[in-house]
């Protein structure tokens, strides 16, 4: 599992995105659960472990691109992700996001289509 924090404090002086990855902790918890699982529980836990492993290889840029798409969807944006309207929608979704950060995140989303 991957958690991305909000953009607290982003302004012209602070242009960063904090990305927190905790896939290693989740994978360890799933391995422990698998070790103690009943035969009925194993298939679901094995599937969960495989999903966690597959997301662990996703790059930070890809994660930010995915986050951008989720934020655009949250405000109902369905247009061209490379448009000025997409930057406006992203800033609507995240009002503290600077224009520079929004454009950079947009570029990453364009570079990593789903």
PDB file of N, CA and C in Angstrom:
ATOM      1  N   UNK A   1       0.841  -1.173   0.000  1.00  0.00           N
ATOM      2  CA  UNK A   1       0.000   0.000   0.000  1.00  0.00           C
ATOM      3  C   UNK A   1       0.883   1.232   0.000  1.00  0.00           C
ATOM      4  N   UNK A   2       0.373   2.256  -0.592  1.00  0.00           N
ATOM      5  CA  UNK A   2       1.129   3.485  -0.713  1.00  0.00           C
ATOM      6  C   UNK A   2       0.259   4.622  -0.231  1.00  0.00           C
ATOM      7  N   UNK A   3       0.812   5.451   0.608  1.00  0.00           N
ATOM      8  CA  UNK A   3       0.074   6.604   1.100  1.00  0.00           C
ATOM      9  C   UNK A   3       0.788   7.863   0.637  1.00  0.00           C
ATOM     10  N   UNK A   4       0.031   8.830   0.179  1.00  0.00           N
ATOM     11  CA  UNK A   4       0.611  10.108  -0.185  1.00  0.00           C
ATOM     12  C   UNK A   4      -0.022  11.149   0.726  1.00  0.00           C
ATOM     13  N   UNK A   5       0.802  11.952   1.312  1.00  0.00           N
ATOM     14  CA  UNK A   5       0.277  12.975   2.194  1.00  0.00           C
ATOM     15  C   UNK A   5      -0.307  14.113   1.381  1.00  0.00           C
ATOM     16  N   UNK A   6      -0.991  14.993   2.045  1.00  0.00           N
ATOM     17  CA  UNK A   6      -1.491  16.205   1.398  1.00  0.00           C
ATOM     18  C   UNK A   6      -0.344  17.144   1.086  1.00  0.00           C
ATOM     19  N   UNK A   7      -0.663  18.258   0.549  1.00  0.00           N
ATOM     20  CA  UNK A   7       0.341  19.216   0.132  1.00  0.00           C
ATOM     21  C   UNK A   7       0.424  20.376   1.112  1.00  0.00           C
ATOM     22  N   UNK A   8       0.426  20.078   2.374  1.00  0.00           N
ATOM     23  CA  UNK A   8       0.457  21.121   3.391  1.00  0.00           C
ATOM     24  C   UNK A   8       1.668  22.016   3.220  1.00  0.00           C
ATOM     25  N   UNK A   9       1.433  23.300   3.221  1.00  0.00           N
ATOM     26  CA  UNK A   9       2.521  24.261   3.187  1.00  0.00           C
ATOM     27  C   UNK A   9       3.076  24.560   1.808  1.00  0.00           C
ATOM     28  N   UNK A  10       2.489  24.027   0.766  1.00  0.00           N
ATOM     29  CA  UNK A  10       3.011  24.340  -0.562  1.00  0.00           C
ATOM     30  C   UNK A  10       2.680  25.776  -0.910  1.00  0.00           C
ATOM     31  N   UNK A  11       3.677  26.500  -1.249  1.00  0.00           N
ATOM     32  CA  UNK A  11       3.516  27.857  -1.752  1.00  0.00           C
ATOM     33  C   UNK A  11       4.761  28.177  -2.557  1.00  0.00           C
ATOM     34  N   UNK A  12       4.990  29.417  -2.873  1.00  0.00           N
ATOM     35  CA  UNK A  12       6.140  29.768  -3.701  1.00  0.00           C
ATOM     36  C   UNK A  12       7.469  29.431  -3.032  1.00  0.00           C
ATOM     37  N   UNK A  13       7.474  29.322  -1.725  1.00  0.00           N
ATOM     38  CA  UNK A  13       8.711  29.016  -1.017  1.00  0.00           C
ATOM     39  C   UNK A  13       8.896  27.517  -0.786  1.00  0.00           C
ATOM     40  N   UNK A  14       7.826  26.767  -0.795  1.00  0.00           N
ATOM     41  CA  UNK A  14       7.876  25.328  -0.519  1.00  0.00           C
ATOM     42  C   UNK A  14       7.181  24.586  -1.644  1.00  0.00           C
ATOM     43  N   UNK A  15       7.972  24.057  -2.544  1.00  0.00           N
ATOM     44  CA  UNK A  15       7.426  23.366  -3.706  1.00  0.00           C
ATOM     45  C   UNK A  15       7.860  21.916  -3.688  1.00  0.00           C
ATOM     46  N   UNK A  16       7.263  21.096  -2.845  1.00  0.00           N
ATOM     47  CA  UNK A  16       7.646  19.700  -2.775  1.00  0.00           C
ATOM     48  C   UNK A  16       6.425  18.840  -2.516  1.00  0.00           C
ATOM     49  N   UNK A  17       6.556  17.608  -2.880  1.00  0.00           N
ATOM     50  CA  UNK A  17       5.514  16.620  -2.619  1.00  0.00           C
ATOM     51  C   UNK A  17       6.139  15.539  -1.764  1.00  0.00           C
ATOM     52  N   UNK A  18       5.568  15.281  -0.629  1.00  0.00           N
ATOM     53  CA  UNK A  18       6.064  14.251   0.267  1.00  0.00           C
ATOM     54  C   UNK A  18       5.341  12.953  -0.054  1.00  0.00           C
ATOM     55  N   UNK A  19       6.103  11.968  -0.396  1.00  0.00           N
ATOM     56  CA  UNK A  19       5.559  10.669  -0.769  1.00  0.00           C
ATOM     57  C   UNK A  19       6.016   9.650   0.254  1.00  0.00           C
ATOM     58  N   UNK A  20       5.081   8.958   0.838  1.00  0.00           N
ATOM     59  CA  UNK A  20       5.411   7.956   1.854  1.00  0.00           C
ATOM     60  C   UNK A  20       5.008   6.591   1.323  1.00  0.00           C
ATOM     61  N   UNK A  21       5.966   5.698   1.294  1.00  0.00           N
ATOM     62  CA  UNK A  21       5.706   4.340   0.824  1.00  0.00           C
ATOM     63  C   UNK A  21       5.853   3.399   2.005  1.00  0.00           C
ATOM     64  N   UNK A  22       4.844   2.617   2.235  1.00  0.00           N
ATOM     65  CA  UNK A  22       4.915   1.670   3.342  1.00  0.00           C
ATOM     66  C   UNK A  22       4.656   0.246   2.880  1.00  0.00           C
ATOM     67  N   UNK A  23       4.976  -0.040   1.637  1.00  0.00           N
ATOM     68  CA  UNK A  23       4.740  -1.383   1.108  1.00  0.00           C
ATOM     69  C   UNK A  23       5.533  -2.443   1.854  1.00  0.00           C
ATOM     70  N   UNK A  24       6.705  -2.097   2.342  1.00  0.00           N
ATOM     71  CA  UNK A  24       7.503  -3.082   3.067  1.00  0.00           C
ATOM     72  C   UNK A  24       6.812  -3.498   4.371  1.00  0.00           C
ATOM     73  N   UNK A  25       6.191  -2.559   5.052  1.00  0.00           N
ATOM     74  CA  UNK A  25       5.471  -2.872   6.291  1.00  0.00           C
ATOM     75  C   UNK A  25       4.238  -3.717   6.009  1.00  0.00           C
ATOM     76  N   UNK A  26       3.520  -3.370   4.964  1.00  0.00           N
ATOM     77  CA  UNK A  26       2.327  -4.131   4.605  1.00  0.00           C
ATOM     78  C   UNK A  26       2.714  -5.539   4.168  1.00  0.00           C
ATOM     79  N   UNK A  27       3.775  -5.657   3.374  1.00  0.00           N
ATOM     80  CA  UNK A  27       4.226  -6.971   2.913  1.00  0.00           C
ATOM     81  C   UNK A  27       4.632  -7.848   4.098  1.00  0.00           C
ATOM     82  N   UNK A  28       5.315  -7.268   5.072  1.00  0.00           N
ATOM     83  CA  UNK A  28       5.719  -8.034   6.256  1.00  0.00           C
ATOM     84  C   UNK A  28       4.493  -8.500   7.048  1.00  0.00           C
ATOM     85  N   UNK A  29       3.512  -7.634   7.177  1.00  0.00           N
ATOM     86  CA  UNK A  29       2.292  -8.011   7.899  1.00  0.00           C
ATOM     87  C   UNK A  29       1.557  -9.131   7.166  1.00  0.00           C
ATOM     88  N   UNK A  30       1.531  -9.057   5.833  1.00  0.00           N
ATOM     89  CA  UNK A  30       0.874 -10.112   5.061  1.00  0.00           C
ATOM     90  C   UNK A  30       1.629 -11.434   5.165  1.00  0.00           C
ATOM     91  N   UNK A  31       2.959 -11.378   5.153  1.00  0.00           N
ATOM     92  CA  UNK A  31       3.741 -12.605   5.313  1.00  0.00           C
ATOM     93  C   UNK A  31       3.453 -13.251   6.672  1.00  0.00           C
ATOM     94  N   UNK A  32       3.367 -12.436   7.701  1.00  0.00           N
ATOM     95  CA  UNK A  32       3.051 -12.946   9.043  1.00  0.00           C
ATOM     96  C   UNK A  32       1.653 -13.566   9.065  1.00  0.00           C
ATOM     97  N   UNK A  33       0.711 -12.873   8.444  1.00  0.00           N
ATOM     98  CA  UNK A  33      -0.656 -13.395   8.395  1.00  0.00           C
ATOM     99  C   UNK A  33      -0.715 -14.701   7.612  1.00  0.00           C
ATOM    100  N   UNK A  34       0.050 -14.794   6.534  1.00  0.00           N
ATOM    101  CA  UNK A  34       0.098 -16.034   5.748  1.00  0.00           C
ATOM    102  C   UNK A  34       0.674 -17.190   6.564  1.00  0.00           C
ATOM    103  N   UNK A  35       1.680 -16.906   7.364  1.00  0.00           N
ATOM    104  CA  UNK A  35       2.306 -17.942   8.178  1.00  0.00           C
ATOM    105  C   UNK A  35       1.324 -18.528   9.194  1.00  0.00           C
ATOM    106  N   UNK A  36       0.365 -17.716   9.611  1.00  0.00           N
ATOM    107  CA  UNK A  36      -0.593 -18.135  10.629  1.00  0.00           C
ATOM    108  C   UNK A  36      -1.972 -18.464  10.051  1.00  0.00           C
ATOM    109  N   UNK A  37      -2.129 -18.381   8.743  1.00  0.00           N
ATOM    110  CA  UNK A  37      -3.443 -18.489   8.107  1.00  0.00           C
ATOM    111  C   UNK A  37      -3.950 -19.913   8.016  1.00  0.00           C
ATOM    112  N   UNK A  38      -5.244 -20.006   8.078  1.00  0.00           N
ATOM    113  CA  UNK A  38      -5.897 -21.298   7.836  1.00  0.00           C
ATOM    114  C   UNK A  38      -5.927 -21.528   6.322  1.00  0.00           C
ATOM    115  N   UNK A  39      -6.152 -22.760   5.904  1.00  0.00           N
ATOM    116  CA  UNK A  39      -6.209 -23.043   4.464  1.00  0.00           C
ATOM    117  C   UNK A  39      -7.270 -22.197   3.736  1.00  0.00           C
ATOM    118  N   UNK A  40      -8.352 -21.880   4.418  1.00  0.00           N
ATOM    119  CA  UNK A  40      -9.409 -21.071   3.797  1.00  0.00           C
ATOM    120  C   UNK A  40      -8.972 -19.622   3.587  1.00  0.00           C
ATOM    121  N   UNK A  41      -8.138 -19.114   4.474  1.00  0.00           N
ATOM    122  CA  UNK A  41      -7.696 -17.721   4.393  1.00  0.00           C
ATOM    123  C   UNK A  41      -6.545 -17.521   3.407  1.00  0.00           C
ATOM    124  N   UNK A  42      -5.792 -18.561   3.123  1.00  0.00           N
ATOM    125  CA  UNK A  42      -4.571 -18.443   2.323  1.00  0.00           C
ATOM    126  C   UNK A  42      -4.778 -17.833   0.929  1.00  0.00           C
ATOM    127  N   UNK A  43      -5.769 -18.257   0.151  1.00  0.00           N
ATOM    128  CA  UNK A  43      -5.895 -17.700  -1.200  1.00  0.00           C
ATOM    129  C   UNK A  43      -6.051 -16.173  -1.223  1.00  0.00           C
ATOM    130  N   UNK A  44      -6.871 -15.660  -0.336  1.00  0.00           N
ATOM    131  CA  UNK A  44      -7.070 -14.210  -0.281  1.00  0.00           C
ATOM    132  C   UNK A  44      -5.810 -13.474   0.152  1.00  0.00           C
ATOM    133  N   UNK A  45      -5.131 -14.019   1.150  1.00  0.00           N
ATOM    134  CA  UNK A  45      -3.889 -13.400   1.620  1.00  0.00           C
ATOM    135  C   UNK A  45      -2.783 -13.495   0.573  1.00  0.00           C
ATOM    136  N   UNK A  46      -2.725 -14.604  -0.146  1.00  0.00           N
ATOM    137  CA  UNK A  46      -1.723 -14.735  -1.209  1.00  0.00           C
ATOM    138  C   UNK A  46      -1.975 -13.716  -2.311  1.00  0.00           C
ATOM    139  N   UNK A  47      -3.240 -13.503  -2.648  1.00  0.00           N
ATOM    140  CA  UNK A  47      -3.581 -12.494  -3.661  1.00  0.00           C
ATOM    141  C   UNK A  47      -3.205 -11.098  -3.168  1.00  0.00           C
ATOM    142  N   UNK A  48      -3.492 -10.810  -1.924  1.00  0.00           N
ATOM    143  CA  UNK A  48      -3.143  -9.505  -1.349  1.00  0.00           C
ATOM    144  C   UNK A  48      -1.632  -9.296  -1.361  1.00  0.00           C
ATOM    145  N   UNK A  49      -0.881 -10.325  -1.011  1.00  0.00           N
ATOM    146  CA  UNK A  49       0.579 -10.227  -1.008  1.00  0.00           C
ATOM    147  C   UNK A  49       1.109  -9.968  -2.417  1.00  0.00           C
ATOM    148  N   UNK A  50       0.526 -10.631  -3.404  1.00  0.00           N
ATOM    149  CA  UNK A  50       0.950 -10.420  -4.796  1.00  0.00           C
ATOM    150  C   UNK A  50       0.664  -8.991  -5.244  1.00  0.00           C
ATOM    151  N   UNK A  51      -0.472  -8.450  -4.839  1.00  0.00           N
ATOM    152  CA  UNK A  51      -0.803  -7.064  -5.196  1.00  0.00           C
ATOM    153  C   UNK A  51       0.178  -6.076  -4.561  1.00  0.00           C
ATOM    154  N   UNK A  52       0.496  -6.301  -3.305  1.00  0.00           N
ATOM    155  CA  UNK A  52       1.447  -5.413  -2.618  1.00  0.00           C
ATOM    156  C   UNK A  52       2.802  -5.470  -3.307  1.00  0.00           C
ATOM    157  N   UNK A  53       3.256  -6.663  -3.652  1.00  0.00           N
ATOM    158  CA  UNK A  53       4.546  -6.800  -4.335  1.00  0.00           C
ATOM    159  C   UNK A  53       4.539  -6.098  -5.687  1.00  0.00           C
ATOM    160  N   UNK A  54       3.429  -6.175  -6.410  1.00  0.00           N
ATOM    161  CA  UNK A  54       3.376  -5.542  -7.728  1.00  0.00           C
ATOM    162  C   UNK A  54       3.379  -4.021  -7.637  1.00  0.00           C
ATOM    163  N   UNK A  55       2.797  -3.467  -6.595  1.00  0.00           N
ATOM    164  CA  UNK A  55       2.789  -2.008  -6.455  1.00  0.00           C
ATOM    165  C   UNK A  55       4.105  -1.484  -5.892  1.00  0.00           C
ATOM    166  N   UNK A  56       4.879  -2.340  -5.255  1.00  0.00           N
ATOM    167  CA  UNK A  56       6.151  -1.908  -4.669  1.00  0.00           C
ATOM    168  C   UNK A  56       7.144  -1.451  -5.726  1.00  0.00           C
ATOM    169  N   UNK A  57       6.984  -1.902  -6.952  1.00  0.00           N
ATOM    170  CA  UNK A  57       7.916  -1.531  -8.015  1.00  0.00           C
ATOM    171  C   UNK A  57       7.501  -0.263  -8.761  1.00  0.00           C
ATOM    172  N   UNK A  58       6.373   0.313  -8.410  1.00  0.00           N
ATOM    173  CA  UNK A  58       5.911   1.537  -9.058  1.00  0.00           C
ATOM    174  C   UNK A  58       6.814   2.692  -8.647  1.00  0.00           C
ATOM    175  N   UNK A  59       7.251   3.487  -9.628  1.00  0.00           N
ATOM    176  CA  UNK A  59       8.146   4.617  -9.337  1.00  0.00           C
ATOM    177  C   UNK A  59       7.387   5.753  -8.653  1.00  0.00           C
ATOM    178  N   UNK A  60       8.118   6.628  -8.009  1.00  0.00           N
ATOM    179  CA  UNK A  60       7.503   7.786  -7.358  1.00  0.00           C
ATOM    180  C   UNK A  60       6.814   8.678  -8.380  1.00  0.00           C
ATOM    181  N   UNK A  61       7.417   8.821  -9.553  1.00  0.00           N
ATOM    182  CA  UNK A  61       6.808   9.630 -10.605  1.00  0.00           C
ATOM    183  C   UNK A  61       5.470   9.036 -11.029  1.00  0.00           C
ATOM    184  N   UNK A  62       5.426   7.721 -11.171  1.00  0.00           N
ATOM    185  CA  UNK A  62       4.164   7.061 -11.532  1.00  0.00           C
ATOM    186  C   UNK A  62       3.124   7.225 -10.432  1.00  0.00           C
ATOM    187  N   UNK A  63       3.557   7.170  -9.188  1.00  0.00           N
ATOM    188  CA  UNK A  63       2.627   7.364  -8.075  1.00  0.00           C
ATOM    189  C   UNK A  63       2.071   8.782  -8.071  1.00  0.00           C
ATOM    190  N   UNK A  64       2.927   9.773  -8.317  1.00  0.00           N
ATOM    191  CA  UNK A  64       2.444  11.150  -8.380  1.00  0.00           C
ATOM    192  C   UNK A  64       1.480  11.332  -9.549  1.00  0.00           C
ATOM    193  N   UNK A  65       1.775  10.696 -10.682  1.00  0.00           N
ATOM    194  CA  UNK A  65       0.884  10.777 -11.842  1.00  0.00           C
ATOM    195  C   UNK A  65      -0.478  10.179 -11.507  1.00  0.00           C
ATOM    196  N   UNK A  66      -0.471   9.063 -10.830  1.00  0.00           N
ATOM    197  CA  UNK A  66      -1.721   8.416 -10.412  1.00  0.00           C
ATOM    198  C   UNK A  66      -2.486   9.315  -9.440  1.00  0.00           C
ATOM    199  N   UNK A  67      -1.750   9.958  -8.535  1.00  0.00           N
ATOM    200  CA  UNK A  67      -2.369  10.858  -7.571  1.00  0.00           C
ATOM    201  C   UNK A  67      -3.013  12.037  -8.288  1.00  0.00           C
ATOM    202  N   UNK A  68      -2.328  12.592  -9.277  1.00  0.00           N
ATOM    203  CA  UNK A  68      -2.882  13.709 -10.044  1.00  0.00           C
ATOM    204  C   UNK A  68      -4.208  13.291 -10.672  1.00  0.00           C
ATOM    205  N   UNK A  69      -4.230  12.139 -11.306  1.00  0.00           N
ATOM    206  CA  UNK A  69      -5.468  11.668 -11.932  1.00  0.00           C
ATOM    207  C   UNK A  69      -6.587  11.486 -10.910  1.00  0.00           C
ATOM    208  N   UNK A  70      -6.245  11.003  -9.729  1.00  0.00           N
ATOM    209  CA  UNK A  70      -7.280  10.815  -8.707  1.00  0.00           C
ATOM    210  C   UNK A  70      -7.810  12.157  -8.211  1.00  0.00           C
ATOM    211  N   UNK A  71      -6.935  13.133  -8.077  1.00  0.00           N
ATOM    212  CA  UNK A  71      -7.372  14.465  -7.633  1.00  0.00           C
ATOM    213  C   UNK A  71      -8.221  15.136  -8.704  1.00  0.00           C
ATOM    214  N   UNK A  72      -7.852  14.968  -9.986  1.00  0.00           N
ATOM    215  CA  UNK A  72      -8.659  15.526 -11.074  1.00  0.00           C
ATOM    216  C   UNK A  72     -10.036  14.870 -11.097  1.00  0.00           C
ATOM    217  N   UNK A  73     -10.077  13.573 -10.903  1.00  0.00           N
ATOM    218  CA  UNK A  73     -11.361  12.865 -10.879  1.00  0.00           C
ATOM    219  C   UNK A  73     -12.215  13.345  -9.707  1.00  0.00           C
ATOM    220  N   UNK A  74     -11.577  13.652  -8.595  1.00  0.00           N
ATOM    221  CA  UNK A  74     -12.311  14.090  -7.405  1.00  0.00           C
ATOM    222  C   UNK A  74     -13.057  15.401  -7.637  1.00  0.00           C
ATOM    223  N   UNK A  75     -12.560  16.237  -8.541  1.00  0.00           N
ATOM    224  CA  UNK A  75     -13.246  17.498  -8.844  1.00  0.00           C
ATOM    225  C   UNK A  75     -14.042  17.395 -10.143  1.00  0.00           C
ATOM    226  N   UNK A  76     -14.179  16.181 -10.665  1.00  0.00           N
ATOM    227  CA  UNK A  76     -15.001  15.965 -11.847  1.00  0.00           C
ATOM    228  C   UNK A  76     -14.357  16.316 -13.171  1.00  0.00           C
ATOM    229  N   UNK A  77     -13.050  16.464 -13.197  1.00  0.00           N
ATOM    230  CA  UNK A  77     -12.370  16.808 -14.455  1.00  0.00           C
ATOM    231  C   UNK A  77     -12.271  15.568 -15.334  1.00  0.00           C
ATOM    232  N   UNK A  78     -12.730  15.707 -16.582  1.00  0.00           N
ATOM    233  CA  UNK A  78     -12.689  14.591 -17.530  1.00  0.00           C
ATOM    234  C   UNK A  78     -12.021  14.983 -18.840  1.00  0.00           C
ATOM    235  N   UNK A  79     -11.440  16.165 -18.895  1.00  0.00           N
ATOM    236  CA  UNK A  79     -10.838  16.661 -20.130  1.00  0.00           C
ATOM    237  C   UNK A  79      -9.425  16.154 -20.346  1.00  0.00           C
ATOM    238  N   UNK A  80      -8.723  16.850 -21.224  1.00  0.00           N
ATOM    239  CA  UNK A  80      -7.343  16.524 -21.590  1.00  0.00           C
ATOM    240  C   UNK A  80      -6.413  16.860 -20.428  1.00  0.00           C
ATOM    241  N   UNK A  81      -5.690  15.865 -19.970  1.00  0.00           N
ATOM    242  CA  UNK A  81      -4.805  16.062 -18.814  1.00  0.00           C
ATOM    243  C   UNK A  81      -3.654  17.017 -19.130  1.00  0.00           C
ATOM    244  N   UNK A  82      -3.364  17.218 -20.403  1.00  0.00           N
ATOM    245  CA  UNK A  82      -2.280  18.119 -20.798  1.00  0.00           C
ATOM    246  C   UNK A  82      -2.745  19.564 -20.960  1.00  0.00           C
ATOM    247  N   UNK A  83      -3.986  19.842 -20.674  1.00  0.00           N
ATOM    248  CA  UNK A  83      -4.552  21.175 -20.903  1.00  0.00           C
ATOM    249  C   UNK A  83      -4.353  22.118 -19.724  1.00  0.00           C
ATOM    250  N   UNK A  84      -4.527  23.400 -20.008  1.00  0.00           N
ATOM    251  CA  UNK A  84      -4.512  24.421 -18.955  1.00  0.00           C
ATOM    252  C   UNK A  84      -5.665  24.164 -17.988  1.00  0.00           C
ATOM    253  N   UNK A  85      -6.785  23.703 -18.518  1.00  0.00           N
ATOM    254  CA  UNK A  85      -7.939  23.398 -17.665  1.00  0.00           C
ATOM    255  C   UNK A  85      -7.597  22.324 -16.629  1.00  0.00           C
ATOM    256  N   UNK A  86      -6.732  21.386 -16.987  1.00  0.00           N
ATOM    257  CA  UNK A  86      -6.328  20.350 -16.037  1.00  0.00           C
ATOM    258  C   UNK A  86      -5.521  20.959 -14.885  1.00  0.00           C
ATOM    259  N   UNK A  87      -4.648  21.896 -15.197  1.00  0.00           N
ATOM    260  CA  UNK A  87      -3.874  22.575 -14.141  1.00  0.00           C
ATOM    261  C   UNK A  87      -4.822  23.330 -13.222  1.00  0.00           C
ATOM    262  N   UNK A  88      -5.785  24.020 -13.806  1.00  0.00           N
ATOM    263  CA  UNK A  88      -6.765  24.752 -12.991  1.00  0.00           C
ATOM    264  C   UNK A  88      -7.557  23.794 -12.104  1.00  0.00           C
ATOM    265  N   UNK A  89      -7.967  22.663 -12.662  1.00  0.00           N
ATOM    266  CA  UNK A  89      -8.729  21.684 -11.884  1.00  0.00           C
ATOM    267  C   UNK A  89      -7.879  21.100 -10.761  1.00  0.00           C
ATOM    268  N   UNK A  90      -6.606  20.848 -11.031  1.00  0.00           N
ATOM    269  CA  UNK A  90      -5.711  20.317 -10.004  1.00  0.00           C
ATOM    270  C   UNK A  90      -5.555  21.312  -8.865  1.00  0.00           C
ATOM    271  N   UNK A  91      -5.429  22.580  -9.220  1.00  0.00           N
ATOM    272  CA  UNK A  91      -5.298  23.602  -8.182  1.00  0.00           C
ATOM    273  C   UNK A  91      -6.617  23.811  -7.437  1.00  0.00           C
ATOM    274  N   UNK A  92      -7.722  23.534  -8.105  1.00  0.00           N
ATOM    275  CA  UNK A  92      -9.023  23.583  -7.429  1.00  0.00           C
ATOM    276  C   UNK A  92      -9.104  22.442  -6.415  1.00  0.00           C
ATOM    277  N   UNK A  93      -8.614  21.272  -6.810  1.00  0.00           N
ATOM    278  CA  UNK A  93      -8.626  20.117  -5.915  1.00  0.00           C
ATOM    279  C   UNK A  93      -7.669  20.306  -4.746  1.00  0.00           C
ATOM    280  N   UNK A  94      -6.565  20.966  -4.995  1.00  0.00           N
ATOM    281  CA  UNK A  94      -5.540  21.211  -3.971  1.00  0.00           C
ATOM    282  C   UNK A  94      -5.218  22.700  -3.956  1.00  0.00           C
ATOM    283  N   UNK A  95      -6.018  23.504  -3.279  1.00  0.00           N
ATOM    284  CA  UNK A  95      -5.859  24.963  -3.323  1.00  0.00           C
ATOM    285  C   UNK A  95      -4.489  25.493  -2.879  1.00  0.00           C
ATOM    286  N   UNK A  96      -3.785  24.761  -2.038  1.00  0.00           N
ATOM    287  CA  UNK A  96      -2.476  25.239  -1.588  1.00  0.00           C
ATOM    288  C   UNK A  96      -1.351  24.903  -2.557  1.00  0.00           C
ATOM    289  N   UNK A  97      -1.679  24.198  -3.613  1.00  0.00           N
ATOM    290  CA  UNK A  97      -0.691  23.801  -4.605  1.00  0.00           C
ATOM    291  C   UNK A  97      -0.295  25.010  -5.440  1.00  0.00           C
ATOM    292  N   UNK A  98       0.998  25.286  -5.527  1.00  0.00           N
ATOM    293  CA  UNK A  98       1.459  26.415  -6.331  1.00  0.00           C
ATOM    294  C   UNK A  98       1.296  26.102  -7.813  1.00  0.00           C
ATOM    295  N   UNK A  99       1.313  27.129  -8.624  1.00  0.00           N
ATOM    296  CA  UNK A  99       1.205  26.931 -10.066  1.00  0.00           C
ATOM    297  C   UNK A  99       2.380  26.104 -10.574  1.00  0.00           C
ATOM    298  N   UNK A 100       3.565  26.389 -10.091  1.00  0.00           N
ATOM    299  CA  UNK A 100       4.751  25.643 -10.511  1.00  0.00           C
ATOM    300  C   UNK A 100       4.629  24.152 -10.166  1.00  0.00           C
ATOM    301  N   UNK A 101       4.197  23.853  -8.960  1.00  0.00           N
ATOM    302  CA  UNK A 101       4.036  22.458  -8.552  1.00  0.00           C
ATOM    303  C   UNK A 101       2.935  21.778  -9.360  1.00  0.00           C
ATOM    304  N   UNK A 102       1.839  22.475  -9.619  1.00  0.00           N
ATOM    305  CA  UNK A 102       0.746  21.902 -10.400  1.00  0.00           C
ATOM    306  C   UNK A 102       1.200  21.565 -11.814  1.00  0.00           C
ATOM    307  N   UNK A 103       1.963  22.455 -12.408  1.00  0.00           N
ATOM    308  CA  UNK A 103       2.461  22.211 -13.771  1.00  0.00           C
ATOM    309  C   UNK A 103       3.425  21.032 -13.772  1.00  0.00           C
ATOM    310  N   UNK A 104       4.303  20.946 -12.792  1.00  0.00           N
ATOM    311  CA  UNK A 104       5.241  19.828 -12.717  1.00  0.00           C
ATOM    312  C   UNK A 104       4.501  18.498 -12.543  1.00  0.00           C
ATOM    313  N   UNK A 105       3.519  18.487 -11.674  1.00  0.00           N
ATOM    314  CA  UNK A 105       2.727  17.276 -11.467  1.00  0.00           C
ATOM    315  C   UNK A 105       1.944  16.914 -12.726  1.00  0.00           C
ATOM    316  N   UNK A 106       1.435  17.912 -13.410  1.00  0.00           N
ATOM    317  CA  UNK A 106       0.729  17.672 -14.669  1.00  0.00           C
ATOM    318  C   UNK A 106       1.663  17.023 -15.688  1.00  0.00           C
ATOM    319  N   UNK A 107       2.878  17.535 -15.795  1.00  0.00           N
ATOM    320  CA  UNK A 107       3.852  16.971 -16.734  1.00  0.00           C
ATOM    321  C   UNK A 107       4.129  15.503 -16.415  1.00  0.00           C
ATOM    322  N   UNK A 108       4.239  15.189 -15.149  1.00  0.00           N
ATOM    323  CA  UNK A 108       4.470  13.791 -14.756  1.00  0.00           C
ATOM    324  C   UNK A 108       3.283  12.913 -15.127  1.00  0.00           C
ATOM    325  N   UNK A 109       2.075  13.433 -14.952  1.00  0.00           N
ATOM    326  CA  UNK A 109       0.880  12.669 -15.299  1.00  0.00           C
ATOM    327  C   UNK A 109       0.797  12.448 -16.811  1.00  0.00           C
ATOM    328  N   UNK A 110       1.167  13.456 -17.582  1.00  0.00           N
ATOM    329  CA  UNK A 110       1.162  13.319 -19.041  1.00  0.00           C
ATOM    330  C   UNK A 110       2.215  12.307 -19.478  1.00  0.00           C
ATOM    331  N   UNK A 111       3.359  12.330 -18.828  1.00  0.00           N
ATOM    332  CA  UNK A 111       4.467  11.427 -19.184  1.00  0.00           C
ATOM    333  C   UNK A 111       4.198   9.976 -18.791  1.00  0.00           C
ATOM    334  N   UNK A 112       3.273   9.767 -17.880  1.00  0.00           N
ATOM    335  CA  UNK A 112       2.963   8.406 -17.403  1.00  0.00           C
ATOM    336  C   UNK A 112       1.471   8.132 -17.548  1.00  0.00           C
ATOM    337  N   UNK A 113       1.006   7.941 -18.774  1.00  0.00           N
ATOM    338  CA  UNK A 113      -0.429   7.652 -18.954  1.00  0.00           C
ATOM    339  C   UNK A 113      -0.778   6.290 -18.349  1.00  0.00           C
ATOM    340  N   UNK A 114      -2.021   6.142 -17.984  1.00  0.00           N
ATOM    341  CA  UNK A 114      -2.462   4.877 -17.387  1.00  0.00           C
ATOM    342  C   UNK A 114      -2.560   3.800 -18.439  1.00  0.00           C
TER     343      UNK A 114
END
